[in-house]
């Protein structure tokens, strides 16, 4: 039976927690003529206040009180046969906390024991190895900036320039033009080599053809010298690690590395449950073979990579960014040996607050806050994980110093030989003169 105004008021009654009082909200009205009038505000707009409820978490997305609980371990393992888990996920399973205070990587195994919010970002797992900064110490490095054909062309230009200087000198001498000094082809060749080595000379000439030849040679030498210097410096500084493999199939084919992963982690479950034949073979041949020696933390895994050149480790970009400053070596990511993983906040299984957290996260996504945060984290990760460009060290410059040392020793040796030869010649001439004087006398 309806009231006299034929209108029925609808009131929404709910309780945030069994320990908190009931809350009421005027939901709408119903009339025989107009029907039901729905509220203009959405569900989570009406229930956006937890009325002082204390959630045991560090997450501050709504007006709630928080309490922090520290897990026994810093790592959270996936469920084993009895669905137990250490770390934050274990505390969620046992009801010690309501929500994780840090983003957690989602996996099918973890979904069986905890709930996740909507993804807030994406992480990526890579196989990392110790950077193999190998520099080839061979004399061929001095020839690498130019190709063989270009070196042949440079040699031909030098020979042609020397021939031109010699022929010009011969022709001018025939015409009795004393505009240039007399020199042989060998002397002209040394002059041209000096020009291409950016050296001057003491030739004083008024011959226009000789001057033009020198100007042309110097211009050609300057351009070639600049190109050679740029190529050689780039070769010395912009060195990259020689990767033994570039993807999972290459890792399996190489077979010389030991593969480590955190025990019963997301990456472990990924290989275990993968439908890809290559990943399943890697799991059976590498992960199971060394299961007892796998690291418990990401830092331990990175340290073992630094200590052994034939150890590879599966790690996500977030952990790399966290621990890259705590290791004493440079690690390199294998570009194609990777797989993605969604990141979200973990809640206790069957949590009534999952919808509210999802609503708030979607608001942050629409406002661009999550996108900005993901961009900041990724740019910071690239800056910290990617190794800086190396500078030229004494080890790299050794071949150049060897050339300098050998040249100096050779020059001293030649000087010594010349002095000895001159001294012997003087002694022989003196002895010959005395012998001739004796014969005459």
Protein backbone atom coordinates (compact mmCIF):
# COMPACT_ATOMS: atom_id res chain seq x y z
CA UNK A 1 0.00 0.00 0.00
CA UNK A 2 1.49 3.33 -1.05
CA UNK A 3 1.63 6.46 1.05
CA UNK A 4 -0.67 9.34 0.37
CA UNK A 5 1.78 10.92 -2.08
CA UNK A 6 2.17 7.60 -3.93
CA UNK A 7 6.01 7.80 -3.66
CA UNK A 8 8.40 5.31 -2.12
CA UNK A 9 11.83 6.43 -0.93
CA UNK A 10 14.71 4.00 -1.48
CA UNK A 11 17.65 4.10 0.92
CA UNK A 12 20.95 2.31 0.38
CA UNK A 13 22.22 0.68 3.55
CA UNK A 14 25.75 -0.74 3.79
CA UNK A 15 28.57 -1.33 6.20
CA UNK A 16 32.23 -0.80 5.36
CA UNK A 17 33.34 -3.34 7.94
CA UNK A 18 31.55 -5.61 10.43
CA UNK A 19 33.09 -3.51 13.20
CA UNK A 20 31.79 -0.18 11.84
CA UNK A 21 28.23 1.21 12.03
CA UNK A 22 25.77 1.07 9.18
CA UNK A 23 25.88 3.79 6.54
CA UNK A 24 22.84 5.10 4.68
CA UNK A 25 22.49 6.88 1.40
CA UNK A 26 19.33 8.11 -0.30
CA UNK A 27 19.31 5.90 -3.36
CA UNK A 28 16.24 7.24 -5.17
CA UNK A 29 12.45 7.30 -5.39
CA UNK A 30 9.77 5.17 -6.93
CA UNK A 31 6.35 6.37 -8.03
CA UNK A 32 3.58 4.56 -9.92
CA UNK A 33 3.62 7.19 -12.64
CA UNK A 34 7.31 8.01 -12.94
CA UNK A 35 8.80 4.67 -11.99
CA UNK A 36 12.22 4.39 -10.40
CA UNK A 37 14.51 7.39 -10.26
CA UNK A 38 18.16 6.30 -10.14
CA UNK A 39 20.93 8.26 -8.47
CA UNK A 40 23.14 10.39 -10.66
CA UNK A 41 26.36 9.33 -8.88
CA UNK A 42 28.05 6.03 -9.57
CA UNK A 43 28.62 3.22 -7.10
CA UNK A 44 32.20 4.14 -6.13
CA UNK A 45 31.38 7.84 -6.14
CA UNK A 46 28.80 7.15 -3.45
CA UNK A 47 31.10 4.87 -1.45
CA UNK A 48 34.37 6.77 -1.68
CA UNK A 49 34.92 7.02 2.06
CA UNK A 50 35.91 4.06 4.20
CA UNK A 51 34.73 5.82 7.35
CA UNK A 52 38.05 5.57 9.15
CA UNK A 53 38.65 1.89 8.43
CA UNK A 54 42.29 0.89 9.06
CA UNK A 55 43.80 -1.11 6.23
CA UNK A 56 47.09 -2.84 6.94
CA UNK A 57 48.92 -1.46 3.98
CA UNK A 58 51.13 1.36 2.79
CA UNK A 59 48.98 2.29 -0.17
CA UNK A 60 47.43 5.76 0.04
CA UNK A 61 44.88 6.13 -2.71
CA UNK A 62 41.82 6.92 -0.58
CA UNK A 63 41.16 8.56 2.77
CA UNK A 64 42.12 5.62 4.98
CA UNK A 65 44.37 4.89 7.90
CA UNK A 66 47.28 2.56 7.27
CA UNK A 67 49.46 0.21 9.28
CA UNK A 68 52.73 -1.16 7.90
CA UNK A 69 53.84 -4.75 8.28
CA UNK A 70 57.26 -6.01 7.21
CA UNK A 71 57.44 -9.52 5.73
CA UNK A 72 59.99 -12.05 6.85
CA UNK A 73 61.64 -12.10 3.42
CA UNK A 74 62.11 -9.47 0.73
CA UNK A 75 61.10 -11.86 -2.02
CA UNK A 76 57.75 -13.40 -2.69
CA UNK A 77 57.78 -16.87 -4.13
CA UNK A 78 55.00 -18.44 -6.10
CA UNK A 79 52.88 -21.12 -4.58
CA UNK A 80 54.25 -24.58 -4.07
CA UNK A 81 52.28 -27.77 -3.75
CA UNK A 82 50.50 -26.56 -0.61
CA UNK A 83 49.92 -23.05 -2.02
CA UNK A 84 52.19 -21.39 0.56
CA UNK A 85 54.15 -18.27 -0.18
CA UNK A 86 56.70 -16.19 1.66
CA UNK A 87 56.99 -12.43 1.73
CA UNK A 88 54.13 -10.02 1.01
CA UNK A 89 52.04 -12.60 -0.82
CA UNK A 90 52.32 -14.95 2.13
CA UNK A 91 51.05 -12.22 4.45
CA UNK A 92 48.15 -11.60 2.08
CA UNK A 93 47.27 -15.28 2.05
CA UNK A 94 47.32 -15.56 5.83
CA UNK A 95 45.33 -12.36 6.34
CA UNK A 96 48.10 -10.41 8.06
CA UNK A 97 47.72 -7.56 5.56
CA UNK A 98 44.90 -6.40 3.31
CA UNK A 99 46.87 -5.06 0.35
CA UNK A 100 50.46 -4.91 -0.86
CA UNK A 101 52.20 -1.57 -0.55
CA UNK A 102 54.30 -2.22 -3.69
CA UNK A 103 53.51 -3.16 -7.24
CA UNK A 104 53.64 -6.92 -7.79
CA UNK A 105 54.19 -8.83 -10.99
CA UNK A 106 51.13 -10.82 -11.97
CA UNK A 107 51.21 -14.52 -12.78
CA UNK A 108 48.70 -17.31 -13.24
CA UNK A 109 50.06 -19.14 -10.21
CA UNK A 110 49.73 -16.12 -7.94
CA UNK A 111 46.14 -15.55 -9.08
CA UNK A 112 45.22 -18.78 -7.33
CA UNK A 113 46.13 -17.34 -3.92
CA UNK A 114 45.74 -13.55 -4.17
CA UNK A 115 43.76 -11.01 -6.15
CA UNK A 116 45.22 -8.22 -8.26
CA UNK A 117 44.05 -4.77 -9.19
CA UNK A 118 43.96 -3.64 -12.79
CA UNK A 119 47.50 -3.49 -14.27
CA UNK A 120 49.27 -0.22 -13.54
CA UNK A 121 52.24 -0.84 -15.81
CA UNK A 122 54.40 -3.40 -17.51
CA UNK A 123 57.71 -4.83 -16.47
CA UNK A 124 59.99 -6.95 -18.61
CA UNK A 125 62.25 -9.86 -17.80
CA UNK A 126 65.63 -10.19 -19.50
CA UNK A 127 68.46 -12.66 -19.52
CA UNK A 128 71.51 -10.69 -18.36
CA UNK A 129 75.17 -11.66 -18.51
CA UNK A 130 78.42 -10.01 -17.55
CA UNK A 131 79.53 -7.49 -20.15
CA UNK A 132 82.34 -8.92 -22.23
CA UNK A 133 84.22 -5.75 -23.10
CA UNK A 134 86.72 -7.33 -25.46
CA UNK A 135 89.06 -5.06 -27.40
CA UNK A 136 90.97 -6.71 -30.24
CA UNK A 137 94.63 -5.81 -29.68
CA UNK A 138 95.91 -6.34 -33.19
CA UNK A 139 97.85 -4.09 -35.50
CA UNK A 140 94.98 -4.34 -37.96
CA UNK A 141 93.05 -1.86 -35.76
CA UNK A 142 95.04 0.98 -37.33
CA UNK A 143 93.66 0.06 -40.73
CA UNK A 144 90.04 -0.47 -39.69
CA UNK A 145 88.81 3.13 -40.30
CA UNK A 146 89.40 2.77 -44.06
CA UNK A 147 88.53 -0.08 -46.35
CA UNK A 148 91.17 -1.87 -48.40
CA UNK A 149 90.13 -0.13 -51.60
CA UNK A 150 90.38 3.28 -49.94
CA UNK A 151 93.87 2.50 -48.61
CA UNK A 152 94.92 1.47 -52.13
CA UNK A 153 93.49 4.72 -53.48
CA UNK A 154 95.43 6.76 -50.87
CA UNK A 155 98.66 4.93 -51.74
CA UNK A 156 98.09 5.58 -55.45
CA UNK A 157 97.44 9.29 -54.77
CA UNK A 158 100.72 9.55 -52.84
CA UNK A 159 102.71 7.81 -55.58
CA UNK A 160 101.12 9.96 -58.30
CA UNK A 161 101.85 13.12 -56.31
CA UNK A 162 105.50 12.11 -55.89
CA UNK A 163 105.78 11.34 -59.61
CA UNK A 164 104.26 14.73 -60.47
CA UNK A 165 106.77 16.56 -58.26
CA UNK A 166 109.67 14.61 -59.78
CA UNK A 167 108.54 15.16 -63.37
CA UNK A 168 107.89 18.85 -62.81
CA UNK A 169 111.38 19.25 -61.38
CA UNK A 170 112.90 17.37 -64.36
CA UNK A 171 110.99 19.43 -66.94
CA UNK A 172 111.88 22.74 -65.29
CA UNK A 173 115.53 21.74 -65.14
CA UNK A 174 115.49 20.91 -68.84
CA UNK A 175 114.05 24.35 -69.57
CA UNK A 176 116.69 26.00 -67.37
CA UNK A 177 114.09 27.30 -64.95
CA UNK A 178 115.68 27.48 -61.52
CA UNK A 179 112.39 27.87 -59.66
CA UNK A 180 112.70 24.71 -57.60
CA UNK A 181 115.26 22.59 -55.83
CA UNK A 182 116.58 19.38 -57.30
CA UNK A 183 115.28 16.23 -55.63
CA UNK A 184 114.85 12.61 -56.62
CA UNK A 185 111.73 10.45 -56.61
CA UNK A 186 112.64 9.07 -53.17
CA UNK A 187 112.90 12.59 -51.78
CA UNK A 188 109.59 13.52 -53.40
CA UNK A 189 107.99 10.41 -51.89
CA UNK A 190 109.17 11.39 -48.41
CA UNK A 191 107.78 14.88 -48.97
CA UNK A 192 104.36 13.52 -49.97
CA UNK A 193 104.28 11.09 -47.03
CA UNK A 194 105.07 14.01 -44.73
CA UNK A 195 102.25 16.01 -46.30
CA UNK A 196 99.73 13.19 -45.68
CA UNK A 197 101.04 12.90 -42.10
CA UNK A 198 100.33 16.62 -41.57
CA UNK A 199 104.03 17.55 -41.56
CA UNK A 200 105.71 20.56 -43.10
CA UNK A 201 108.82 20.67 -45.30
CA UNK A 202 111.74 22.95 -46.03
CA UNK A 203 111.28 23.10 -49.80
CA UNK A 204 111.45 26.71 -50.97
CA UNK A 205 110.15 27.10 -54.49
CA UNK A 206 108.65 29.68 -56.81
CA UNK A 207 107.36 27.08 -59.25
CA UNK A 208 103.64 27.39 -59.70
CA UNK A 209 103.14 23.71 -60.72
CA UNK A 210 105.00 22.53 -57.63
CA UNK A 211 102.98 24.86 -55.39
CA UNK A 212 99.73 23.63 -56.92
CA UNK A 213 100.80 20.03 -56.38
CA UNK A 214 101.56 20.73 -52.72
CA UNK A 215 98.29 22.62 -52.19
CA UNK A 216 96.27 19.79 -53.76
CA UNK A 217 98.12 17.19 -51.69
CA UNK A 218 97.58 19.14 -48.46
CA UNK A 219 93.86 19.59 -49.07
CA UNK A 220 93.44 15.90 -49.86
CA UNK A 221 95.51 14.96 -46.79
CA UNK A 222 93.45 17.18 -44.46
CA UNK A 223 90.16 15.59 -45.54
CA UNK A 224 91.53 12.06 -45.33
CA UNK A 225 93.15 12.74 -41.97
CA UNK A 226 89.87 14.08 -40.52
CA UNK A 227 87.96 11.04 -41.80
CA UNK A 228 90.58 8.66 -40.42
CA UNK A 229 90.66 10.36 -37.03
CA UNK A 230 86.88 10.28 -36.69
CA UNK A 231 86.70 6.60 -37.63
CA UNK A 232 89.61 5.59 -35.41
CA UNK A 233 88.37 7.47 -32.33
CA UNK A 234 84.88 6.05 -32.84
CA UNK A 235 86.34 2.56 -33.04
CA UNK A 236 88.23 3.06 -29.77
CA UNK A 237 85.40 4.61 -27.76
CA UNK A 238 82.08 3.27 -29.09
CA UNK A 239 82.76 -0.37 -28.33
CA UNK A 240 79.97 -2.83 -27.60
CA UNK A 241 79.99 -6.10 -25.77
CA UNK A 242 80.20 -9.12 -27.99
CA UNK A 243 77.01 -11.02 -27.25
CA UNK A 244 77.38 -14.81 -27.42
CA UNK A 245 73.66 -15.08 -28.24
CA UNK A 246 70.76 -12.71 -28.87
CA UNK A 247 67.61 -14.70 -28.05
CA UNK A 248 66.34 -17.78 -26.24
CA UNK A 249 67.03 -20.06 -29.17
CA UNK A 250 70.59 -18.78 -29.38
CA UNK A 251 71.03 -19.37 -25.63
CA UNK A 252 69.87 -22.93 -26.02
CA UNK A 253 72.12 -23.49 -29.01
CA UNK A 254 75.15 -22.00 -27.23
CA UNK A 255 74.73 -24.24 -24.20
CA UNK A 256 77.83 -22.95 -22.39
CA UNK A 257 76.02 -20.74 -19.85
CA UNK A 258 74.38 -21.64 -16.58
CA UNK A 259 70.93 -20.07 -16.24
CA UNK A 260 69.81 -18.78 -12.84
CA UNK A 261 66.40 -17.61 -11.69
CA UNK A 262 64.93 -16.76 -8.31
CA UNK A 263 63.41 -19.83 -6.72
CA UNK A 264 59.75 -20.40 -7.58
CA UNK A 265 59.38 -16.85 -8.89
CA UNK A 266 57.26 -15.39 -11.67
CA UNK A 267 60.01 -16.01 -14.21
CA UNK A 268 60.37 -19.57 -12.96
CA UNK A 269 56.64 -20.20 -13.44
CA UNK A 270 56.76 -18.56 -16.87
CA UNK A 271 59.28 -21.08 -18.16
CA UNK A 272 57.56 -23.95 -16.38
CA UNK A 273 54.09 -23.27 -17.81
CA UNK A 274 55.15 -21.93 -21.20
CA UNK A 275 53.71 -23.51 -24.35
CA UNK A 276 56.85 -22.63 -26.33
CA UNK A 277 59.08 -25.62 -27.02
CA UNK A 278 62.29 -23.60 -26.68
CA UNK A 279 61.32 -22.19 -23.27
CA UNK A 280 60.23 -25.59 -21.98
CA UNK A 281 63.53 -27.07 -23.10
CA UNK A 282 65.42 -24.29 -21.33
CA UNK A 283 63.41 -25.02 -18.19
CA UNK A 284 64.15 -28.73 -18.25
CA UNK A 285 67.83 -28.48 -19.26
CA UNK A 286 68.96 -25.45 -17.25
CA UNK A 287 66.56 -24.38 -14.49
CA UNK A 288 65.83 -27.87 -13.17
CA UNK A 289 69.44 -28.96 -13.50
CA UNK A 290 70.64 -26.32 -11.04
CA UNK A 291 67.55 -25.89 -8.90
CA UNK A 292 69.34 -26.27 -5.56
CA UNK A 293 71.83 -23.51 -6.37
CA UNK A 294 69.45 -20.82 -7.58
CA UNK A 295 69.61 -17.46 -5.77
CA UNK A 296 67.07 -16.33 -3.21
CA UNK A 297 67.27 -12.63 -4.14
CA UNK A 298 67.87 -10.59 -7.27
CA UNK A 299 70.99 -9.03 -5.77
CA UNK A 300 72.48 -12.46 -5.10
CA UNK A 301 71.82 -13.47 -8.70
CA UNK A 302 73.50 -10.34 -10.08
CA UNK A 303 76.51 -10.86 -7.83
CA UNK A 304 76.93 -14.40 -9.12
CA UNK A 305 76.79 -13.07 -12.67
CA UNK A 306 79.62 -10.66 -11.81
CA UNK A 307 81.75 -13.46 -10.34
CA UNK A 308 81.38 -15.85 -13.27
CA UNK A 309 81.54 -15.03 -16.97
CA UNK A 310 79.49 -18.09 -17.95
CA UNK A 311 76.48 -17.41 -15.72
CA UNK A 312 73.23 -15.88 -16.99
CA UNK A 313 70.43 -14.59 -14.79
CA UNK A 314 66.76 -13.87 -15.48
CA UNK A 315 65.74 -10.58 -13.90
CA UNK A 316 63.11 -7.90 -14.40
CA UNK A 317 63.91 -4.31 -15.24
CA UNK A 318 62.66 -3.05 -11.85
CA UNK A 319 65.14 -5.19 -9.94
CA UNK A 320 67.93 -4.24 -12.33
CA UNK A 321 67.25 -0.58 -11.63
CA UNK A 322 67.27 -1.26 -7.89
CA UNK A 323 70.51 -3.24 -7.66
CA UNK A 324 72.65 -2.03 -10.56
CA UNK A 325 74.53 0.34 -8.26
CA UNK A 326 75.26 -2.41 -5.76
CA UNK A 327 77.31 -4.68 -8.02
CA UNK A 328 80.94 -4.29 -9.08
CA UNK A 329 80.63 -5.15 -12.75
CA UNK A 330 78.75 -4.10 -15.86
CA UNK A 331 75.85 -6.29 -16.94
CA UNK A 332 74.31 -6.39 -20.38
CA UNK A 333 70.79 -7.36 -21.36
CA UNK A 334 70.17 -9.87 -24.14
CA UNK A 335 67.75 -7.89 -26.33
CA UNK A 336 65.55 -10.68 -27.71
CA UNK A 337 65.77 -13.03 -24.72
CA UNK A 338 62.96 -11.35 -22.81
CA UNK A 339 59.26 -11.55 -22.02
CA UNK A 340 56.74 -9.05 -20.56
CA UNK A 341 54.92 -9.16 -17.22
CA UNK A 342 52.03 -7.00 -16.03
CA UNK A 343 52.44 -5.13 -12.77
CA UNK A 344 49.60 -4.51 -10.31
CA UNK A 345 48.85 -4.21 -6.60
CA UNK A 346 48.07 -7.46 -4.80
CA UNK A 347 45.12 -7.81 -2.42
CA UNK A 348 43.93 -10.59 -0.18
CA UNK A 349 41.90 -13.21 -2.00
CA UNK A 350 38.26 -12.17 -2.26
CA UNK A 351 38.93 -8.64 -1.00
CA UNK A 352 35.85 -6.43 -0.97
CA UNK A 353 38.01 -3.40 -1.71
CA UNK A 354 39.28 -4.55 -5.09
CA UNK A 355 36.63 -2.64 -7.01
CA UNK A 356 37.39 0.57 -5.12
CA UNK A 357 41.11 0.29 -5.80
CA UNK A 358 40.43 -0.41 -9.47
CA UNK A 359 38.19 2.65 -9.65
CA UNK A 360 40.90 4.88 -8.20
CA UNK A 361 43.58 3.44 -10.46
CA UNK A 362 41.42 3.98 -13.53
CA UNK A 363 40.97 7.60 -12.46
CA UNK A 364 44.75 7.99 -12.25
CA UNK A 365 45.11 6.43 -15.69
CA UNK A 366 42.53 8.74 -17.26
CA UNK A 367 44.22 11.76 -15.69
CA UNK A 368 47.59 10.71 -17.11
CA UNK A 369 49.24 10.13 -13.73
CA UNK A 370 50.01 6.45 -14.34
CA UNK A 371 51.36 7.11 -17.82
CA UNK A 372 53.62 9.84 -16.50
CA UNK A 373 54.85 7.57 -13.71
CA UNK A 374 55.58 4.70 -16.09
CA UNK A 375 57.49 7.06 -18.38
CA UNK A 376 59.53 8.36 -15.43
CA UNK A 377 60.37 4.86 -14.21
CA UNK A 378 61.35 3.61 -17.67
CA UNK A 379 63.56 6.64 -18.39
CA UNK A 380 65.22 6.32 -15.01
CA UNK A 381 65.77 2.61 -15.61
CA UNK A 382 67.41 3.22 -18.99
CA UNK A 383 69.72 5.80 -17.44
CA UNK A 384 70.83 3.50 -14.62
CA UNK A 385 70.87 0.11 -16.32
CA UNK A 386 72.44 0.93 -19.67
CA UNK A 387 76.20 1.25 -19.19
CA UNK A 388 77.82 4.61 -19.96
CA UNK A 389 79.92 5.01 -23.04
CA UNK A 390 83.48 3.95 -22.22
CA UNK A 391 86.41 6.33 -22.45
CA UNK A 392 89.76 5.50 -24.02
CA UNK A 393 91.88 3.76 -21.38
CA UNK A 394 95.59 2.98 -21.33
CA UNK A 395 94.78 -0.60 -22.28
CA UNK A 396 93.08 0.53 -25.46
CA UNK A 397 95.85 3.00 -26.33
CA UNK A 398 98.66 0.45 -25.91
CA UNK A 399 99.09 -0.24 -29.65
CA UNK A 400 99.50 3.49 -30.32
CA UNK A 401 102.07 3.79 -27.54
CA UNK A 402 103.87 0.74 -28.90
CA UNK A 403 104.17 2.45 -32.29
CA UNK A 404 105.57 5.57 -30.61
CA UNK A 405 108.05 3.54 -28.55
CA UNK A 406 109.16 1.42 -31.52
CA UNK A 407 109.57 4.54 -33.65
CA UNK A 408 111.69 6.25 -30.98
CA UNK A 409 113.88 3.16 -30.48
CA UNK A 410 114.25 2.74 -34.23
CA UNK A 411 115.19 6.41 -34.64
CA UNK A 412 117.82 6.12 -31.90
CA UNK A 413 119.12 2.95 -33.51
CA UNK A 414 119.40 4.59 -36.93
CA UNK A 415 121.13 7.58 -35.36
CA UNK A 416 123.58 5.28 -33.60
CA UNK A 417 124.30 3.44 -36.84
CA UNK A 418 124.84 6.72 -38.69
CA UNK A 419 127.21 8.01 -36.00
CA UNK A 420 129.13 4.72 -35.96
CA UNK A 421 129.25 4.65 -39.75
CA UNK A 422 130.51 8.22 -39.91
CA UNK A 423 133.09 7.52 -37.23
CA UNK A 424 134.29 4.38 -38.99
CA UNK A 425 134.46 6.26 -42.28
CA UNK A 426 136.52 9.01 -40.65
CA UNK A 427 138.88 6.46 -39.11
CA UNK A 428 139.23 4.64 -42.42
CA UNK A 429 139.95 7.89 -44.28
CA UNK A 430 142.50 8.88 -41.68
CA UNK A 431 144.17 5.47 -41.80
CA UNK A 432 144.14 5.52 -45.57
CA UNK A 433 145.72 8.97 -45.58
CA UNK A 434 148.48 7.89 -43.23
CA UNK A 435 149.10 4.77 -45.28
CA UNK A 436 149.34 6.89 -48.45
CA UNK A 437 151.76 9.29 -46.75
CA UNK A 438 153.94 6.40 -45.61
CA UNK A 439 154.02 4.95 -49.14
CA UNK A 440 155.09 8.29 -50.59
CA UNK A 441 157.68 8.80 -47.96
